[in-house]
Amino acid sequence: MPERKPWSEREDQILRLL
């Protein structure tokens, strides 16, 4: 399982938009 880095809430939203 790939370890997920603790992104900030805003970064998570940006990644979803991509």
PDB file of N, CA and C in Angstrom:
ATOM      1  N   MET A   1       0.844  -1.208   0.000  1.00  0.00           N
ATOM      2  CA  MET A   1       0.000   0.000   0.000  1.00  0.00           C
ATOM      3  C   MET A   1       0.877   1.257   0.000  1.00  0.00           C
ATOM      4  N   PRO A   2       0.663   2.147  -0.957  1.00  0.00           N
ATOM      5  CA  PRO A   2       1.474   3.380  -1.031  1.00  0.00           C
ATOM      6  C   PRO A   2       1.163   4.318   0.122  1.00  0.00           C
ATOM      7  N   GLU A   3       2.204   4.745   0.816  1.00  0.00           N
ATOM      8  CA  GLU A   3       1.988   5.638   1.959  1.00  0.00           C
ATOM      9  C   GLU A   3       1.539   7.013   1.477  1.00  0.00           C
ATOM     10  N   ARG A   4       0.466   7.494   2.056  1.00  0.00           N
ATOM     11  CA  ARG A   4      -0.053   8.808   1.661  1.00  0.00           C
ATOM     12  C   ARG A   4       0.552   9.886   2.544  1.00  0.00           C
ATOM     13  N   LYS A   5       1.029  10.946   1.912  1.00  0.00           N
ATOM     14  CA  LYS A   5       1.610  12.042   2.700  1.00  0.00           C
ATOM     15  C   LYS A   5       0.478  12.916   3.258  1.00  0.00           C
ATOM     16  N   PRO A   6       0.645  13.411   4.459  1.00  0.00           N
ATOM     17  CA  PRO A   6      -0.389  14.246   5.084  1.00  0.00           C
ATOM     18  C   PRO A   6      -0.508  15.613   4.422  1.00  0.00           C
ATOM     19  N   TRP A   7      -1.325  15.680   3.373  1.00  0.00           N
ATOM     20  CA  TRP A   7      -1.512  16.963   2.703  1.00  0.00           C
ATOM     21  C   TRP A   7      -2.478  17.820   3.502  1.00  0.00           C
ATOM     22  N   SER A   8      -2.459  19.084   3.198  1.00  0.00           N
ATOM     23  CA  SER A   8      -3.405  19.988   3.852  1.00  0.00           C
ATOM     24  C   SER A   8      -4.770  19.844   3.165  1.00  0.00           C
ATOM     25  N   GLU A   9      -5.801  20.316   3.819  1.00  0.00           N
ATOM     26  CA  GLU A   9      -7.145  20.194   3.228  1.00  0.00           C
ATOM     27  C   GLU A   9      -7.213  20.899   1.883  1.00  0.00           C
ATOM     28  N   ARG A  10      -6.578  22.050   1.787  1.00  0.00           N
ATOM     29  CA  ARG A  10      -6.612  22.791   0.516  1.00  0.00           C
ATOM     30  C   ARG A  10      -5.881  22.016  -0.573  1.00  0.00           C
ATOM     31  N   GLU A  11      -4.748  21.428  -0.238  1.00  0.00           N
ATOM     32  CA  GLU A  11      -4.000  20.661  -1.246  1.00  0.00           C
ATOM     33  C   GLU A  11      -4.838  19.480  -1.716  1.00  0.00           C
ATOM     34  N   ASP A  12      -5.547  18.837  -0.790  1.00  0.00           N
ATOM     35  CA  ASP A  12      -6.378  17.701  -1.164  1.00  0.00           C
ATOM     36  C   ASP A  12      -7.437  18.134  -2.170  1.00  0.00           C
ATOM     37  N   GLN A  13      -8.044  19.293  -1.941  1.00  0.00           N
ATOM     38  CA  GLN A  13      -9.058  19.788  -2.869  1.00  0.00           C
ATOM     39  C   GLN A  13      -8.444  20.074  -4.232  1.00  0.00           C
ATOM     40  N   ILE A  14      -7.258  20.653  -4.243  1.00  0.00           N
ATOM     41  CA  ILE A  14      -6.597  20.974  -5.518  1.00  0.00           C
ATOM     42  C   ILE A  14      -6.316  19.692  -6.294  1.00  0.00           C
ATOM     43  N   LEU A  15      -5.836  18.667  -5.590  1.00  0.00           N
ATOM     44  CA  LEU A  15      -5.542  17.404  -6.265  1.00  0.00           C
ATOM     45  C   LEU A  15      -6.809  16.805  -6.851  1.00  0.00           C
ATOM     46  N   ARG A  16      -7.916  16.960  -6.164  1.00  0.00           N
ATOM     47  CA  ARG A  16      -9.182  16.421  -6.695  1.00  0.00           C
ATOM     48  C   ARG A  16      -9.606  17.175  -7.943  1.00  0.00           C
ATOM     49  N   LEU A  17      -9.333  18.486  -7.972  1.00  0.00           N
ATOM     50  CA  LEU A  17      -9.719  19.286  -9.139  1.00  0.00           C
ATOM     51  C   LEU A  17      -8.900  18.890 -10.364  1.00  0.00           C
ATOM     52  N   LEU A  18      -7.680  18.468 -10.161  1.00  0.00           N
ATOM     53  CA  LEU A  18      -6.830  18.100 -11.290  1.00  0.00           C
ATOM     54  C   LEU A  18      -7.399  16.891 -12.012  1.00  0.00           C
TER      55      LEU A  18
END
